Amino acid sequence: MNKLSVFLIGLLVVLVILSASMFTVDQRQNALVFQLGEVVSVKTKPGLYFKLPLVQNVRFFDTRILTLDSADPERFITSEKKNVLVDSFIKWRVIDARQFYVSVGGDETRAQIRLNQTVNDGLRAEFGKRTINEVVSGRREEIMNIIRTKADSDARKIGVQVVDVRIKRVDLPETVSENVYRRMEAERKQVANELRSTGAAEAEKIKADADKQKDVIVAEAYRDAQGVKGEGDAKASTLYASAYGKNAEFYAFYRSMQAYRESFRSKSDVMVLDPSADFFKYMKNPRAAGGQ
């Protein structure tokens, strides 16, 4: 075997030893270095690291935020002894790889089981203190904050941080939903009837007030009209009297002309009078007024 072959074999052995001695930690990971089954080092920063080949081994743990979403809604009981179905999810991540490995063996499934139990126990306790209305809408944010704080406190014992706990949906069982719906319907009908009664009373009040104002306005208008009419009649009487006083014969002639016009308005009109009656005075002698 020549020197070149020996050199290549030696270089290959060195490369194999170097590759077995180096490992890289990603920014999304933590790494535990084990020696004979015991943790001797924790790598939390990304970069290139060295280990003893064949003696030491490395295990990586994902530190990204993970989601634990419940497969089926959980049933809880409120302070009213009513059942509710709650669908929730948990956001969590590993923050202490050593503690995570010691507590649950680095098994994400075991960690999720513990987190789920902790959150469910907290939800059961909080829902038991509140009514359906509070857990459905009124106090949901408060409940989530309390559960997140309690769950995070327990999760840190296994090297995990609970980032968030969210309630996606709170439903009522079918029988409860039907009862609640009927009660809500009855309450809404009662409110609607009260509003209708109040509206009808207000309508009658407005109508009575409008009728009163109408009567007052009509009465005032009639009074004013009668006053204007009286003033007009007075002025007309004054004018008639003045005209009669200036030329009584002309006034009599004018009135006779008006009577002729009204009497002979239609060809079918018939009058039976004595030819010598005063009605025909100006027909017999149109100049009677000026003949005096």
Protein backbone atom coordinates (compact mmCIF):
# COMPACT_ATOMS: atom_id res chain seq x y z
CA MET A 1 0.00 0.00 0.00
CA ASN A 2 1.51 3.32 -1.03
CA LYS A 3 1.70 6.51 0.97
CA LEU A 4 -1.16 8.15 -0.91
CA SER A 5 -3.57 5.43 0.04
CA VAL A 6 -2.51 5.64 3.68
CA PHE A 7 -2.98 9.39 3.60
CA LEU A 8 -6.48 9.14 2.09
CA ILE A 9 -7.54 6.51 4.61
CA GLY A 10 -6.21 8.65 7.46
CA LEU A 11 -8.01 11.73 6.10
CA LEU A 12 -11.25 9.77 5.84
CA VAL A 13 -10.91 8.59 9.43
CA VAL A 14 -10.31 12.16 10.60
CA LEU A 15 -13.35 13.40 8.70
CA VAL A 16 -15.52 10.67 10.22
CA ILE A 17 -14.29 11.50 13.72
CA LEU A 18 -14.88 15.25 13.13
CA SER A 19 -18.38 14.67 11.80
CA ALA A 20 -19.16 12.51 14.82
CA SER A 21 -17.78 15.20 17.10
CA MET A 22 -19.76 18.18 15.72
CA PHE A 23 -23.44 19.08 15.85
CA THR A 24 -25.49 22.15 14.95
CA VAL A 25 -28.25 23.71 17.03
CA ASP A 26 -30.96 25.49 15.04
CA GLN A 27 -32.50 28.75 16.33
CA ARG A 28 -35.77 26.84 16.76
CA GLN A 29 -34.23 24.19 18.98
CA ASN A 30 -32.53 23.43 22.29
CA ALA A 31 -30.13 20.53 22.59
CA LEU A 32 -29.20 18.26 25.49
CA VAL A 33 -25.78 16.60 25.50
CA PHE A 34 -25.80 13.20 27.22
CA GLN A 35 -22.83 11.25 28.51
CA LEU A 36 -23.50 7.71 29.60
CA GLY A 37 -27.21 8.55 29.94
CA GLU A 38 -26.76 11.68 32.04
CA VAL A 39 -27.26 15.27 30.91
CA VAL A 40 -23.92 17.04 30.94
CA SER A 41 -24.73 20.13 28.89
CA VAL A 42 -27.66 22.19 27.58
CA LYS A 43 -27.31 24.18 24.36
CA THR A 44 -29.87 26.97 24.02
CA LYS A 45 -28.14 29.24 21.51
CA PRO A 46 -27.92 28.42 17.81
CA GLY A 47 -24.50 27.53 16.45
CA LEU A 48 -21.90 24.79 15.92
CA TYR A 49 -20.88 22.64 18.94
CA PHE A 50 -18.54 19.72 19.67
CA LYS A 51 -19.02 16.49 21.61
CA LEU A 52 -17.03 13.40 22.38
CA PRO A 53 -17.76 10.79 19.74
CA LEU A 54 -19.05 7.43 20.89
CA VAL A 55 -19.20 8.72 24.47
CA GLN A 56 -21.62 11.58 24.17
CA ASN A 57 -24.90 11.87 22.24
CA VAL A 58 -27.24 14.78 21.55
CA ARG A 59 -31.01 15.09 21.67
CA PHE A 60 -32.87 18.06 20.16
CA PHE A 61 -36.10 19.66 21.42
CA ASP A 62 -38.34 21.97 19.40
CA THR A 63 -38.85 25.32 21.18
CA ARG A 64 -41.44 26.73 18.78
CA ILE A 65 -44.98 27.46 19.96
CA LEU A 66 -47.13 24.35 19.60
CA THR A 67 -50.92 24.03 19.59
CA LEU A 68 -52.89 21.53 21.63
CA ASP A 69 -56.40 21.46 20.21
CA SER A 70 -58.98 19.27 21.93
CA ALA A 71 -60.48 16.65 19.65
CA ASP A 72 -63.94 16.76 21.25
CA PRO A 73 -65.67 19.41 23.38
CA GLU A 74 -65.48 18.84 27.12
CA ARG A 75 -68.62 18.87 29.28
CA PHE A 76 -68.63 21.17 32.33
CA ILE A 77 -71.30 22.15 34.87
CA THR A 78 -72.10 25.78 35.70
CA SER A 79 -73.20 27.22 39.04
CA GLU A 80 -76.80 26.73 37.87
CA LYS A 81 -76.14 22.98 37.53
CA LYS A 82 -76.43 23.29 33.76
CA ASN A 83 -74.22 21.34 31.37
CA VAL A 84 -72.18 23.19 28.76
CA LEU A 85 -69.89 21.86 26.02
CA VAL A 86 -66.59 23.75 25.81
CA ASP A 87 -64.18 23.61 22.87
CA SER A 88 -60.75 25.10 23.68
CA PHE A 89 -57.11 25.05 22.63
CA ILE A 90 -53.72 25.63 24.30
CA LYS A 91 -50.61 27.36 22.94
CA TRP A 92 -47.42 26.10 24.60
CA ARG A 93 -43.67 25.69 24.10
CA VAL A 94 -40.62 24.16 25.76
CA ILE A 95 -38.53 26.72 27.69
CA ASP A 96 -36.35 24.42 29.82
CA ALA A 97 -35.16 21.39 27.86
CA ARG A 98 -33.44 19.79 30.86
CA GLN A 99 -36.54 20.01 33.07
CA PHE A 100 -38.74 18.91 30.18
CA TYR A 101 -36.61 15.79 29.75
CA VAL A 102 -36.45 15.02 33.48
CA SER A 103 -40.20 15.50 34.05
CA VAL A 104 -41.79 13.83 31.02
CA GLY A 105 -38.81 12.21 29.33
CA GLY A 106 -38.94 14.79 26.56
CA ASP A 107 -42.19 13.24 25.31
CA GLU A 108 -44.55 15.87 23.82
CA THR A 109 -47.53 13.52 24.13
CA ARG A 110 -47.07 13.16 27.89
CA ALA A 111 -46.64 16.91 28.21
CA GLN A 112 -49.86 17.52 26.26
CA ILE A 113 -51.78 15.08 28.46
CA ARG A 114 -50.66 16.93 31.58
CA LEU A 115 -51.43 20.35 30.09
CA ASN A 116 -54.87 19.19 28.98
CA GLN A 117 -55.65 17.84 32.46
CA THR A 118 -54.49 21.08 34.11
CA VAL A 119 -56.57 23.27 31.80
CA ASN A 120 -59.65 21.06 32.11
CA ASP A 121 -59.42 21.10 35.92
CA GLY A 122 -59.15 24.89 35.85
CA LEU A 123 -62.09 25.25 33.46
CA ARG A 124 -64.22 22.92 35.57
CA ALA A 125 -63.48 24.98 38.69
CA GLU A 126 -64.12 28.34 37.01
CA PHE A 127 -67.28 27.24 35.20
CA GLY A 128 -68.64 25.86 38.46
CA LYS A 129 -68.51 29.37 39.93
CA ARG A 130 -70.38 31.09 37.09
CA THR A 131 -73.74 31.12 35.32
CA ILE A 132 -74.34 30.20 31.68
CA ASN A 133 -74.63 33.86 30.72
CA GLU A 134 -71.26 34.66 32.30
CA VAL A 135 -69.38 31.80 30.65
CA VAL A 136 -71.00 32.36 27.25
CA SER A 137 -70.39 36.08 26.93
CA GLY A 138 -70.01 38.10 30.10
CA ARG A 139 -66.83 36.74 31.77
CA ARG A 140 -65.10 34.66 29.10
CA GLU A 141 -61.97 36.85 28.88
CA GLU A 142 -61.59 36.79 32.65
CA ILE A 143 -61.92 33.00 32.71
CA MET A 144 -59.25 32.57 30.02
CA ASN A 145 -56.81 34.83 31.88
CA ILE A 146 -57.28 32.90 35.13
CA ILE A 147 -56.86 29.51 33.41
CA ARG A 148 -53.77 30.66 31.51
CA THR A 149 -52.09 31.87 34.71
CA LYS A 150 -52.83 28.66 36.61
CA ALA A 151 -51.87 26.38 33.72
CA ASP A 152 -48.61 28.25 33.11
CA SER A 153 -47.68 28.01 36.79
CA ASP A 154 -48.12 24.22 36.72
CA ALA A 155 -46.54 23.78 33.27
CA ARG A 156 -43.26 25.41 34.33
CA LYS A 157 -42.74 22.48 36.68
CA ILE A 158 -42.13 20.33 33.60
CA GLY A 159 -40.12 22.96 31.70
CA VAL A 160 -43.02 24.22 29.60
CA GLN A 161 -44.59 27.66 29.17
CA VAL A 162 -48.31 28.05 28.48
CA VAL A 163 -48.47 30.99 26.08
CA ASP A 164 -52.24 31.16 25.75
CA VAL A 165 -55.48 29.35 26.52
CA ARG A 166 -58.51 30.13 24.37
CA ILE A 167 -62.13 29.05 24.48
CA LYS A 168 -63.27 28.65 20.90
CA ARG A 169 -66.88 27.80 21.54
CA VAL A 170 -69.31 27.28 24.39
CA ASP A 171 -72.39 25.29 23.41
CA LEU A 172 -75.35 23.97 25.29
CA PRO A 173 -76.52 20.37 25.00
CA GLU A 174 -79.48 19.97 22.69
CA THR A 175 -82.06 19.67 25.49
CA VAL A 176 -80.68 22.67 27.35
CA SER A 177 -80.47 24.70 24.16
CA GLU A 178 -84.13 24.03 23.46
CA ASN A 179 -85.16 25.12 26.96
CA VAL A 180 -83.01 28.22 26.79
CA TYR A 181 -84.40 29.06 23.37
CA ARG A 182 -87.97 28.76 24.61
CA ARG A 183 -87.23 30.90 27.65
CA MET A 184 -85.54 33.54 25.51
CA GLU A 185 -88.46 33.47 23.10
CA ALA A 186 -90.93 33.97 25.97
CA GLU A 187 -88.85 36.83 27.36
CA ARG A 188 -88.65 38.51 23.97
CA LYS A 189 -92.39 38.14 23.46
CA GLN A 190 -93.00 39.69 26.87
CA VAL A 191 -90.71 42.60 26.04
CA ALA A 192 -92.40 43.00 22.65
CA ASN A 193 -95.87 43.05 24.25
CA GLU A 194 -94.71 45.64 26.78
CA LEU A 195 -93.29 47.79 24.00
CA ARG A 196 -96.51 47.46 22.00
CA SER A 197 -98.60 48.46 25.03
CA THR A 198 -96.34 51.41 25.74
CA GLY A 199 -96.43 52.40 22.08
CA ALA A 200 -100.22 52.16 21.94
CA ALA A 201 -100.54 54.31 25.06
CA GLU A 202 -98.14 56.88 23.66
CA ALA A 203 -100.02 56.83 20.34
CA GLU A 204 -103.34 57.49 22.09
CA LYS A 205 -101.75 60.27 24.10
CA ILE A 206 -100.29 61.87 20.98
CA LYS A 207 -103.58 61.49 19.11
CA ALA A 208 -105.56 63.05 21.98
CA ASP A 209 -103.11 65.93 22.15
CA ALA A 210 -103.30 66.39 18.38
CA ASP A 211 -107.14 66.37 18.48
CA LYS A 212 -107.07 68.94 21.27
CA GLN A 213 -104.71 71.16 19.32
CA LYS A 214 -106.87 70.74 16.22
CA ASP A 215 -110.01 71.81 18.10
CA VAL A 216 -108.19 74.82 19.52
CA ILE A 217 -106.83 75.79 16.11
CA VAL A 218 -110.25 75.36 14.43
CA ALA A 219 -111.95 77.36 17.17
CA GLU A 220 -109.39 80.15 16.95
CA ALA A 221 -109.62 80.13 13.15
CA TYR A 222 -113.44 80.28 13.30
CA ARG A 223 -113.23 83.13 15.79
CA ASP A 224 -110.82 85.03 13.60
CA ALA A 225 -112.92 84.28 10.50
CA GLN A 226 -116.04 85.55 12.19
CA GLY A 227 -114.20 88.67 13.27
CA VAL A 228 -112.95 89.29 9.72
CA LYS A 229 -116.38 88.54 8.33
CA GLY A 230 -118.00 90.93 10.79
CA GLU A 231 -115.51 93.64 9.89
CA GLY A 232 -116.22 93.02 6.18
CA ASP A 233 -119.99 93.10 6.70
CA ALA A 234 -119.63 96.31 8.67
CA LYS A 235 -117.51 97.88 5.96
CA ALA A 236 -119.97 96.65 3.30
CA SER A 237 -122.93 98.09 5.24
CA THR A 238 -121.07 101.35 5.60
CA LEU A 239 -120.36 101.43 1.88
CA TYR A 240 -123.97 100.51 1.02
CA ALA A 241 -125.30 103.16 3.36
CA SER A 242 -122.90 105.73 1.97
CA ALA A 243 -123.82 104.82 -1.61
CA TYR A 244 -127.54 104.85 -0.78
CA GLY A 245 -127.21 108.19 0.89
CA LYS A 246 -125.49 109.74 -2.12
CA ASN A 247 -127.98 108.54 -4.75
CA ALA A 248 -130.89 106.52 -3.50
CA GLU A 249 -132.50 106.15 -6.91
CA PHE A 250 -129.33 104.79 -8.51
CA TYR A 251 -128.95 102.38 -5.63
CA ALA A 252 -132.55 101.17 -6.18
CA PHE A 253 -131.87 100.84 -9.89
CA TYR A 254 -128.67 98.82 -9.25
CA ARG A 255 -130.44 96.50 -6.86
CA SER A 256 -133.25 95.99 -9.39
CA MET A 257 -130.72 95.06 -12.07
CA GLN A 258 -129.23 92.46 -9.73
CA ALA A 259 -132.70 91.08 -9.05
CA TYR A 260 -133.46 90.89 -12.82
CA ARG A 261 -130.21 89.03 -13.42
CA GLU A 262 -130.84 86.52 -10.68
CA SER A 263 -134.50 86.05 -11.66
CA PHE A 264 -133.96 85.52 -15.37
CA ARG A 265 -130.74 83.47 -15.17
CA SER A 266 -132.40 80.44 -16.88
CA LYS A 267 -134.90 80.33 -19.72
CA SER A 268 -136.92 77.80 -17.76
CA ASP A 269 -137.48 80.20 -14.85
CA VAL A 270 -141.15 81.23 -14.41
CA MET A 271 -142.48 84.18 -12.37
CA VAL A 272 -146.13 85.05 -11.83
CA LEU A 273 -146.43 88.75 -10.95
CA ASP A 274 -148.87 91.56 -11.52
CA PRO A 275 -147.67 93.60 -14.54
CA SER A 276 -148.13 96.72 -12.51
CA ALA A 277 -145.89 95.51 -9.69
CA ASP A 278 -142.86 97.60 -8.69
CA PHE A 279 -140.62 94.75 -9.79
CA PHE A 280 -141.11 95.86 -13.42
CA LYS A 281 -140.61 99.52 -12.63
CA TYR A 282 -137.35 99.89 -14.53
CA MET A 283 -138.46 97.58 -17.36
CA LYS A 284 -141.37 99.87 -18.07
CA ASN A 285 -139.32 103.02 -17.73
CA PRO A 286 -135.53 102.54 -17.78
CA ARG A 287 -135.07 106.24 -17.24
CA ALA A 288 -137.19 106.28 -14.13
CA ALA A 289 -134.16 106.86 -12.01
CA GLY A 290 -133.07 109.84 -14.04
CA GLY A 291 -136.57 111.14 -14.79
CA GLN A 292 -137.09 112.52 -11.35
